[in-house]
Amino acid sequence: MAEQHNHPNPNLNPPSAAPSSAPAPPPLPPSFDPTRMVGIIKRKALIKDLAGVYHAECLAYCQELLELQRKWEWEEVFMCIVRNARM
């Protein structure tokens, strides 16, 4: 069987040895700084503008893809008509 040692663990502090001082209070939140709010509002406006440009670009690509799809479908229909006419 394993031997049991009666040596105290140096890493454990007995409850009576705990520091008597209370923990430090949490730091106070930073005070209101209007210049930070201005920066936040400007960044929000830039993000909104960027989103608008991105959305417009996406719509343009979708329109282009739709036109290419219609053109391809029309060519397929036309080729089918030509093949059927030759038979």
PDB file of N, CA and C in Angstrom:
ATOM      1  N   MET A   1       0.828  -1.173   0.000  1.00  0.00           N
ATOM      2  CA  MET A   1       0.000   0.000   0.000  1.00  0.00           C
ATOM      3  C   MET A   1       0.874   1.238   0.000  1.00  0.00           C
ATOM      4  N   ALA A   2       0.290   2.327  -0.310  1.00  0.00           N
ATOM      5  CA  ALA A   2       1.033   3.583  -0.353  1.00  0.00           C
ATOM      6  C   ALA A   2       1.226   4.117   1.052  1.00  0.00           C
ATOM      7  N   GLU A   3       2.379   4.692   1.259  1.00  0.00           N
ATOM      8  CA  GLU A   3       2.653   5.297   2.564  1.00  0.00           C
ATOM      9  C   GLU A   3       1.983   6.658   2.646  1.00  0.00           C
ATOM     10  N   GLN A   4       1.469   6.975   3.794  1.00  0.00           N
ATOM     11  CA  GLN A   4       0.880   8.291   4.002  1.00  0.00           C
ATOM     12  C   GLN A   4       1.889   9.145   4.739  1.00  0.00           C
ATOM     13  N   HIS A   5       2.087  10.338   4.257  1.00  0.00           N
ATOM     14  CA  HIS A   5       3.017  11.271   4.876  1.00  0.00           C
ATOM     15  C   HIS A   5       2.231  12.272   5.697  1.00  0.00           C
ATOM     16  N   ASN A   6       2.708  12.599   6.838  1.00  0.00           N
ATOM     17  CA  ASN A   6       2.047  13.577   7.698  1.00  0.00           C
ATOM     18  C   ASN A   6       2.716  14.934   7.596  1.00  0.00           C
ATOM     19  N   HIS A   7       3.262  15.230   6.435  1.00  0.00           N
ATOM     20  CA  HIS A   7       3.910  16.524   6.241  1.00  0.00           C
ATOM     21  C   HIS A   7       2.860  17.532   5.780  1.00  0.00           C
ATOM     22  N   PRO A   8       2.850  18.713   6.339  1.00  0.00           N
ATOM     23  CA  PRO A   8       1.885  19.727   5.888  1.00  0.00           C
ATOM     24  C   PRO A   8       2.246  20.200   4.486  1.00  0.00           C
ATOM     25  N   ASN A   9       1.238  20.502   3.711  1.00  0.00           N
ATOM     26  CA  ASN A   9       1.433  20.999   2.350  1.00  0.00           C
ATOM     27  C   ASN A   9       1.754  22.488   2.441  1.00  0.00           C
ATOM     28  N   PRO A  10       2.936  22.908   1.970  1.00  0.00           N
ATOM     29  CA  PRO A  10       3.299  24.327   2.086  1.00  0.00           C
ATOM     30  C   PRO A  10       2.456  25.229   1.185  1.00  0.00           C
ATOM     31  N   ASN A  11       1.788  24.673   0.170  1.00  0.00           N
ATOM     32  CA  ASN A  11       0.988  25.488  -0.743  1.00  0.00           C
ATOM     33  C   ASN A  11      -0.369  25.848  -0.160  1.00  0.00           C
ATOM     34  N   LEU A  12      -0.807  25.110   0.846  1.00  0.00           N
ATOM     35  CA  LEU A  12      -2.112  25.393   1.438  1.00  0.00           C
ATOM     36  C   LEU A  12      -1.938  26.258   2.664  1.00  0.00           C
ATOM     37  N   ASN A  13      -2.690  27.330   2.739  1.00  0.00           N
ATOM     38  CA  ASN A  13      -2.664  28.211   3.907  1.00  0.00           C
ATOM     39  C   ASN A  13      -3.837  27.851   4.795  1.00  0.00           C
ATOM     40  N   PRO A  14      -3.625  27.712   6.079  1.00  0.00           N
ATOM     41  CA  PRO A  14      -4.765  27.463   6.963  1.00  0.00           C
ATOM     42  C   PRO A  14      -5.666  28.689   6.983  1.00  0.00           C
ATOM     43  N   PRO A  15      -6.959  28.505   7.258  1.00  0.00           N
ATOM     44  CA  PRO A  15      -7.893  29.641   7.218  1.00  0.00           C
ATOM     45  C   PRO A  15      -7.501  30.767   8.155  1.00  0.00           C
ATOM     46  N   SER A  16      -6.843  30.473   9.233  1.00  0.00           N
ATOM     47  CA  SER A  16      -6.466  31.535  10.165  1.00  0.00           C
ATOM     48  C   SER A  16      -5.342  32.401   9.612  1.00  0.00           C
ATOM     49  N   ALA A  17      -4.615  31.893   8.618  1.00  0.00           N
ATOM     50  CA  ALA A  17      -3.500  32.651   8.062  1.00  0.00           C
ATOM     51  C   ALA A  17      -3.932  33.537   6.896  1.00  0.00           C
ATOM     52  N   ALA A  18      -5.214  33.544   6.537  1.00  0.00           N
ATOM     53  CA  ALA A  18      -5.698  34.360   5.428  1.00  0.00           C
ATOM     54  C   ALA A  18      -5.530  35.829   5.784  1.00  0.00           C
ATOM     55  N   PRO A  19      -5.231  36.667   4.792  1.00  0.00           N
ATOM     56  CA  PRO A  19      -5.061  38.093   5.075  1.00  0.00           C
ATOM     57  C   PRO A  19      -6.367  38.685   5.596  1.00  0.00           C
ATOM     58  N   SER A  20      -6.243  39.560   6.567  1.00  0.00           N
ATOM     59  CA  SER A  20      -7.437  40.132   7.195  1.00  0.00           C
ATOM     60  C   SER A  20      -7.977  41.338   6.432  1.00  0.00           C
ATOM     61  N   SER A  21      -7.205  41.887   5.488  1.00  0.00           N
ATOM     62  CA  SER A  21      -7.680  43.062   4.751  1.00  0.00           C
ATOM     63  C   SER A  21      -8.680  42.627   3.681  1.00  0.00           C
ATOM     64  N   ALA A  22      -9.674  43.455   3.440  1.00  0.00           N
ATOM     65  CA  ALA A  22     -10.695  43.173   2.430  1.00  0.00           C
ATOM     66  C   ALA A  22     -10.090  43.378   1.047  1.00  0.00           C
ATOM     67  N   PRO A  23     -10.617  42.670   0.039  1.00  0.00           N
ATOM     68  CA  PRO A  23     -10.094  42.868  -1.320  1.00  0.00           C
ATOM     69  C   PRO A  23     -10.335  44.303  -1.784  1.00  0.00           C
ATOM     70  N   ALA A  24      -9.460  44.744  -2.656  1.00  0.00           N
ATOM     71  CA  ALA A  24      -9.559  46.116  -3.166  1.00  0.00           C
ATOM     72  C   ALA A  24     -10.846  46.260  -3.974  1.00  0.00           C
ATOM     73  N   PRO A  25     -11.514  47.391  -3.881  1.00  0.00           N
ATOM     74  CA  PRO A  25     -12.744  47.587  -4.662  1.00  0.00           C
ATOM     75  C   PRO A  25     -12.398  47.654  -6.151  1.00  0.00           C
ATOM     76  N   PRO A  26     -13.334  47.263  -7.013  1.00  0.00           N
ATOM     77  CA  PRO A  26     -13.056  47.316  -8.453  1.00  0.00           C
ATOM     78  C   PRO A  26     -12.831  48.760  -8.890  1.00  0.00           C
ATOM     79  N   PRO A  27     -12.028  48.939  -9.931  1.00  0.00           N
ATOM     80  CA  PRO A  27     -11.764  50.312 -10.394  1.00  0.00           C
ATOM     81  C   PRO A  27     -13.049  50.957 -10.918  1.00  0.00           C
ATOM     82  N   LEU A  28     -13.128  52.254 -10.771  1.00  0.00           N
ATOM     83  CA  LEU A  28     -14.294  52.998 -11.241  1.00  0.00           C
ATOM     84  C   LEU A  28     -14.299  53.034 -12.762  1.00  0.00           C
ATOM     85  N   PRO A  29     -15.481  53.013 -13.385  1.00  0.00           N
ATOM     86  CA  PRO A  29     -15.522  53.113 -14.844  1.00  0.00           C
ATOM     87  C   PRO A  29     -15.020  54.489 -15.270  1.00  0.00           C
ATOM     88  N   PRO A  30     -14.471  54.565 -16.489  1.00  0.00           N
ATOM     89  CA  PRO A  30     -13.973  55.871 -16.942  1.00  0.00           C
ATOM     90  C   PRO A  30     -15.118  56.878 -17.026  1.00  0.00           C
ATOM     91  N   SER A  31     -14.782  58.115 -16.786  1.00  0.00           N
ATOM     92  CA  SER A  31     -15.807  59.160 -16.842  1.00  0.00           C
ATOM     93  C   SER A  31     -16.227  59.391 -18.293  1.00  0.00           C
ATOM     94  N   PHE A  32     -17.382  59.988 -18.463  1.00  0.00           N
ATOM     95  CA  PHE A  32     -17.917  60.245 -19.795  1.00  0.00           C
ATOM     96  C   PHE A  32     -17.001  61.196 -20.550  1.00  0.00           C
ATOM     97  N   ASP A  33     -16.623  60.788 -21.751  1.00  0.00           N
ATOM     98  CA  ASP A  33     -15.748  61.607 -22.584  1.00  0.00           C
ATOM     99  C   ASP A  33     -16.466  61.852 -23.913  1.00  0.00           C
ATOM    100  N   PRO A  34     -16.960  63.071 -24.150  1.00  0.00           N
ATOM    101  CA  PRO A  34     -17.720  63.330 -25.378  1.00  0.00           C
ATOM    102  C   PRO A  34     -16.907  63.119 -26.648  1.00  0.00           C
ATOM    103  N   THR A  35     -15.603  63.277 -26.593  1.00  0.00           N
ATOM    104  CA  THR A  35     -14.799  63.076 -27.803  1.00  0.00           C
ATOM    105  C   THR A  35     -14.838  61.615 -28.236  1.00  0.00           C
ATOM    106  N   ARG A  36     -14.955  60.700 -27.286  1.00  0.00           N
ATOM    107  CA  ARG A  36     -15.073  59.288 -27.647  1.00  0.00           C
ATOM    108  C   ARG A  36     -16.398  59.035 -28.350  1.00  0.00           C
ATOM    109  N   MET A  37     -17.455  59.696 -27.890  1.00  0.00           N
ATOM    110  CA  MET A  37     -18.765  59.527 -28.515  1.00  0.00           C
ATOM    111  C   MET A  37     -18.742  60.030 -29.954  1.00  0.00           C
ATOM    112  N   VAL A  38     -18.059  61.139 -30.186  1.00  0.00           N
ATOM    113  CA  VAL A  38     -17.957  61.682 -31.541  1.00  0.00           C
ATOM    114  C   VAL A  38     -17.262  60.667 -32.443  1.00  0.00           C
ATOM    115  N   GLY A  39     -16.184  60.069 -31.946  1.00  0.00           N
ATOM    116  CA  GLY A  39     -15.469  59.062 -32.731  1.00  0.00           C
ATOM    117  C   GLY A  39     -16.334  57.855 -33.028  1.00  0.00           C
ATOM    118  N   ILE A  40     -17.109  57.422 -32.048  1.00  0.00           N
ATOM    119  CA  ILE A  40     -17.996  56.274 -32.241  1.00  0.00           C
ATOM    120  C   ILE A  40     -19.055  56.594 -33.288  1.00  0.00           C
ATOM    121  N   ILE A  41     -19.622  57.789 -33.218  1.00  0.00           N
ATOM    122  CA  ILE A  41     -20.655  58.185 -34.178  1.00  0.00           C
ATOM    123  C   ILE A  41     -20.070  58.270 -35.585  1.00  0.00           C
ATOM    124  N   LYS A  42     -18.856  58.815 -35.711  1.00  0.00           N
ATOM    125  CA  LYS A  42     -18.215  58.903 -37.030  1.00  0.00           C
ATOM    126  C   LYS A  42     -17.941  57.515 -37.597  1.00  0.00           C
ATOM    127  N   ARG A  43     -17.441  56.601 -36.759  1.00  0.00           N
ATOM    128  CA  ARG A  43     -17.177  55.239 -37.231  1.00  0.00           C
ATOM    129  C   ARG A  43     -18.470  54.550 -37.651  1.00  0.00           C
ATOM    130  N   LYS A  44     -19.529  54.776 -36.892  1.00  0.00           N
ATOM    131  CA  LYS A  44     -20.819  54.184 -37.237  1.00  0.00           C
ATOM    132  C   LYS A  44     -21.291  54.696 -38.599  1.00  0.00           C
ATOM    133  N   ALA A  45     -21.128  55.999 -38.847  1.00  0.00           N
ATOM    134  CA  ALA A  45     -21.531  56.577 -40.132  1.00  0.00           C
ATOM    135  C   ALA A  45     -20.694  56.001 -41.271  1.00  0.00           C
ATOM    136  N   LEU A  46     -19.391  55.834 -41.045  1.00  0.00           N
ATOM    137  CA  LEU A  46     -18.532  55.255 -42.081  1.00  0.00           C
ATOM    138  C   LEU A  46     -18.939  53.817 -42.388  1.00  0.00           C
ATOM    139  N   ILE A  47     -19.243  53.058 -41.352  1.00  0.00           N
ATOM    140  CA  ILE A  47     -19.665  51.670 -41.553  1.00  0.00           C
ATOM    141  C   ILE A  47     -20.977  51.620 -42.323  1.00  0.00           C
ATOM    142  N   LYS A  48     -21.882  52.534 -41.995  1.00  0.00           N
ATOM    143  CA  LYS A  48     -23.169  52.581 -42.690  1.00  0.00           C
ATOM    144  C   LYS A  48     -22.968  52.928 -44.167  1.00  0.00           C
ATOM    145  N   ASP A  49     -22.095  53.894 -44.458  1.00  0.00           N
ATOM    146  CA  ASP A  49     -21.800  54.249 -45.846  1.00  0.00           C
ATOM    147  C   ASP A  49     -21.171  53.075 -46.586  1.00  0.00           C
ATOM    148  N   LEU A  50     -20.232  52.413 -45.941  1.00  0.00           N
ATOM    149  CA  LEU A  50     -19.572  51.265 -46.557  1.00  0.00           C
ATOM    150  C   LEU A  50     -20.578  50.155 -46.846  1.00  0.00           C
ATOM    151  N   ALA A  51     -21.491  49.923 -45.918  1.00  0.00           N
ATOM    152  CA  ALA A  51     -22.516  48.902 -46.127  1.00  0.00           C
ATOM    153  C   ALA A  51     -23.408  49.266 -47.308  1.00  0.00           C
ATOM    154  N   GLY A  52     -23.728  50.547 -47.458  1.00  0.00           N
ATOM    155  CA  GLY A  52     -24.542  50.984 -48.589  1.00  0.00           C
ATOM    156  C   GLY A  52     -23.835  50.765 -49.917  1.00  0.00           C
ATOM    157  N   VAL A  53     -22.558  51.093 -49.970  1.00  0.00           N
ATOM    158  CA  VAL A  53     -21.779  50.889 -51.198  1.00  0.00           C
ATOM    159  C   VAL A  53     -21.682  49.401 -51.515  1.00  0.00           C
ATOM    160  N   TYR A  54     -21.420  48.594 -50.495  1.00  0.00           N
ATOM    161  CA  TYR A  54     -21.307  47.147 -50.684  1.00  0.00           C
ATOM    162  C   TYR A  54     -22.631  46.572 -51.183  1.00  0.00           C
ATOM    163  N   HIS A  55     -23.734  47.035 -50.615  1.00  0.00           N
ATOM    164  CA  HIS A  55     -25.048  46.557 -51.028  1.00  0.00           C
ATOM    165  C   HIS A  55     -25.316  46.920 -52.490  1.00  0.00           C
ATOM    166  N   ALA A  56     -24.986  48.147 -52.872  1.00  0.00           N
ATOM    167  CA  ALA A  56     -25.188  48.573 -54.261  1.00  0.00           C
ATOM    168  C   ALA A  56     -24.336  47.736 -55.211  1.00  0.00           C
ATOM    169  N   GLU A  57     -23.105  47.443 -54.806  1.00  0.00           N
ATOM    170  CA  GLU A  57     -22.230  46.624 -55.643  1.00  0.00           C
ATOM    171  C   GLU A  57     -22.786  45.206 -55.778  1.00  0.00           C
ATOM    172  N   CYS A  58     -23.296  44.664 -54.694  1.00  0.00           N
ATOM    173  CA  CYS A  58     -23.899  43.325 -54.743  1.00  0.00           C
ATOM    174  C   CYS A  58     -25.103  43.306 -55.678  1.00  0.00           C
ATOM    175  N   LEU A  59     -25.929  44.345 -55.604  1.00  0.00           N
ATOM    176  CA  LEU A  59     -27.088  44.417 -56.490  1.00  0.00           C
ATOM    177  C   LEU A  59     -26.659  44.496 -57.954  1.00  0.00           C
ATOM    178  N   ALA A  60     -25.598  45.239 -58.236  1.00  0.00           N
ATOM    179  CA  ALA A  60     -25.106  45.344 -59.612  1.00  0.00           C
ATOM    180  C   ALA A  60     -24.627  43.983 -60.114  1.00  0.00           C
ATOM    181  N   TYR A  61     -23.902  43.251 -59.266  1.00  0.00           N
ATOM    182  CA  TYR A  61     -23.442  41.915 -59.661  1.00  0.00           C
ATOM    183  C   TYR A  61     -24.625  40.967 -59.867  1.00  0.00           C
ATOM    184  N   CYS A  62     -25.628  41.057 -59.020  1.00  0.00           N
ATOM    185  CA  CYS A  62     -26.809  40.207 -59.171  1.00  0.00           C
ATOM    186  C   CYS A  62     -27.528  40.515 -60.482  1.00  0.00           C
ATOM    187  N   GLN A  63     -27.635  41.791 -60.806  1.00  0.00           N
ATOM    188  CA  GLN A  63     -28.281  42.185 -62.060  1.00  0.00           C
ATOM    189  C   GLN A  63     -27.498  41.641 -63.253  1.00  0.00           C
ATOM    190  N   GLU A  64     -26.175  41.741 -63.193  1.00  0.00           N
ATOM    191  CA  GLU A  64     -25.336  41.228 -64.278  1.00  0.00           C
ATOM    192  C   GLU A  64     -25.490  39.712 -64.414  1.00  0.00           C
ATOM    193  N   LEU A  65     -25.508  39.005 -63.295  1.00  0.00           N
ATOM    194  CA  LEU A  65     -25.688  37.554 -63.347  1.00  0.00           C
ATOM    195  C   LEU A  65     -27.051  37.179 -63.910  1.00  0.00           C
ATOM    196  N   LEU A  66     -28.076  37.922 -63.542  1.00  0.00           N
ATOM    197  CA  LEU A  66     -29.415  37.655 -64.057  1.00  0.00           C
ATOM    198  C   LEU A  66     -29.460  37.850 -65.568  1.00  0.00           C
ATOM    199  N   GLU A  67     -28.818  38.910 -66.057  1.00  0.00           N
ATOM    200  CA  GLU A  67     -28.784  39.149 -67.503  1.00  0.00           C
ATOM    201  C   GLU A  67     -28.021  38.045 -68.223  1.00  0.00           C
ATOM    202  N   LEU A  68     -26.903  37.603 -67.653  1.00  0.00           N
ATOM    203  CA  LEU A  68     -26.147  36.510 -68.268  1.00  0.00           C
ATOM    204  C   LEU A  68     -26.951  35.218 -68.273  1.00  0.00           C
ATOM    205  N   GLN A  69     -27.682  34.973 -67.205  1.00  0.00           N
ATOM    206  CA  GLN A  69     -28.508  33.771 -67.132  1.00  0.00           C
ATOM    207  C   GLN A  69     -29.612  33.816 -68.186  1.00  0.00           C
ATOM    208  N   ARG A  70     -30.263  34.966 -68.326  1.00  0.00           N
ATOM    209  CA  ARG A  70     -31.320  35.098 -69.336  1.00  0.00           C
ATOM    210  C   ARG A  70     -30.751  34.910 -70.739  1.00  0.00           C
ATOM    211  N   LYS A  71     -29.577  35.490 -70.983  1.00  0.00           N
ATOM    212  CA  LYS A  71     -28.939  35.357 -72.295  1.00  0.00           C
ATOM    213  C   LYS A  71     -28.623  33.896 -72.572  1.00  0.00           C
ATOM    214  N   TRP A  72     -28.079  33.196 -71.566  1.00  0.00           N
ATOM    215  CA  TRP A  72     -27.728  31.790 -71.739  1.00  0.00           C
ATOM    216  C   TRP A  72     -28.983  30.954 -71.987  1.00  0.00           C
ATOM    217  N   GLU A  73     -30.054  31.223 -71.218  1.00  0.00           N
ATOM    218  CA  GLU A  73     -31.297  30.478 -71.406  1.00  0.00           C
ATOM    219  C   GLU A  73     -31.879  30.746 -72.790  1.00  0.00           C
ATOM    220  N   TRP A  74     -31.805  31.997 -73.243  1.00  0.00           N
ATOM    221  CA  TRP A  74     -32.332  32.335 -74.562  1.00  0.00           C
ATOM    222  C   TRP A  74     -31.538  31.610 -75.646  1.00  0.00           C
ATOM    223  N   GLU A  75     -30.216  31.547 -75.499  1.00  0.00           N
ATOM    224  CA  GLU A  75     -29.394  30.837 -76.476  1.00  0.00           C
ATOM    225  C   GLU A  75     -29.714  29.347 -76.471  1.00  0.00           C
ATOM    226  N   GLU A  76     -29.967  28.773 -75.300  1.00  0.00           N
ATOM    227  CA  GLU A  76     -30.334  27.358 -75.217  1.00  0.00           C
ATOM    228  C   GLU A  76     -31.667  27.108 -75.925  1.00  0.00           C
ATOM    229  N   VAL A  77     -32.635  27.983 -75.703  1.00  0.00           N
ATOM    230  CA  VAL A  77     -33.940  27.835 -76.352  1.00  0.00           C
ATOM    231  C   VAL A  77     -33.775  27.983 -77.859  1.00  0.00           C
ATOM    232  N   PHE A  78     -32.989  28.961 -78.286  1.00  0.00           N
ATOM    233  CA  PHE A  78     -32.769  29.189 -79.714  1.00  0.00           C
ATOM    234  C   PHE A  78     -32.095  27.982 -80.358  1.00  0.00           C
ATOM    235  N   MET A  79     -31.079  27.416 -79.695  1.00  0.00           N
ATOM    236  CA  MET A  79     -30.379  26.247 -80.244  1.00  0.00           C
ATOM    237  C   MET A  79     -31.317  25.043 -80.308  1.00  0.00           C
ATOM    238  N   CYS A  80     -32.203  24.904 -79.343  1.00  0.00           N
ATOM    239  CA  CYS A  80     -33.162  23.805 -79.343  1.00  0.00           C
ATOM    240  C   CYS A  80     -34.125  23.955 -80.523  1.00  0.00           C
ATOM    241  N   ILE A  81     -34.558  25.181 -80.784  1.00  0.00           N
ATOM    242  CA  ILE A  81     -35.462  25.436 -81.908  1.00  0.00           C
ATOM    243  C   ILE A  81     -34.758  25.118 -83.218  1.00  0.00           C
ATOM    244  N   VAL A  82     -33.499  25.530 -83.343  1.00  0.00           N
ATOM    245  CA  VAL A  82     -32.736  25.271 -84.568  1.00  0.00           C
ATOM    246  C   VAL A  82     -32.568  23.770 -84.763  1.00  0.00           C
ATOM    247  N   ARG A  83     -32.251  23.026 -83.698  1.00  0.00           N
ATOM    248  CA  ARG A  83     -32.077  21.573 -83.813  1.00  0.00           C
ATOM    249  C   ARG A  83     -33.385  20.898 -84.227  1.00  0.00           C
ATOM    250  N   ASN A  84     -34.492  21.346 -83.657  1.00  0.00           N
ATOM    251  CA  ASN A  84     -35.783  20.743 -83.998  1.00  0.00           C
ATOM    252  C   ASN A  84     -36.190  21.082 -85.426  1.00  0.00           C
ATOM    253  N   ALA A  85     -35.803  22.240 -85.923  1.00  0.00           N
ATOM    254  CA  ALA A  85     -36.147  22.638 -87.282  1.00  0.00           C
ATOM    255  C   ALA A  85     -35.363  21.817 -88.300  1.00  0.00           C
ATOM    256  N   ARG A  86     -34.179  21.367 -87.962  1.00  0.00           N
ATOM    257  CA  ARG A  86     -33.347  20.600 -88.889  1.00  0.00           C
ATOM    258  C   ARG A  86     -33.836  19.157 -88.999  1.00  0.00           C
ATOM    259  N   MET A  87     -34.586  18.698 -88.058  1.00  0.00           N
ATOM    260  CA  MET A  87     -35.020  17.296 -88.088  1.00  0.00           C
ATOM    261  C   MET A  87     -36.136  17.093 -89.017  1.00  0.00           C
TER     262      MET A  87
END
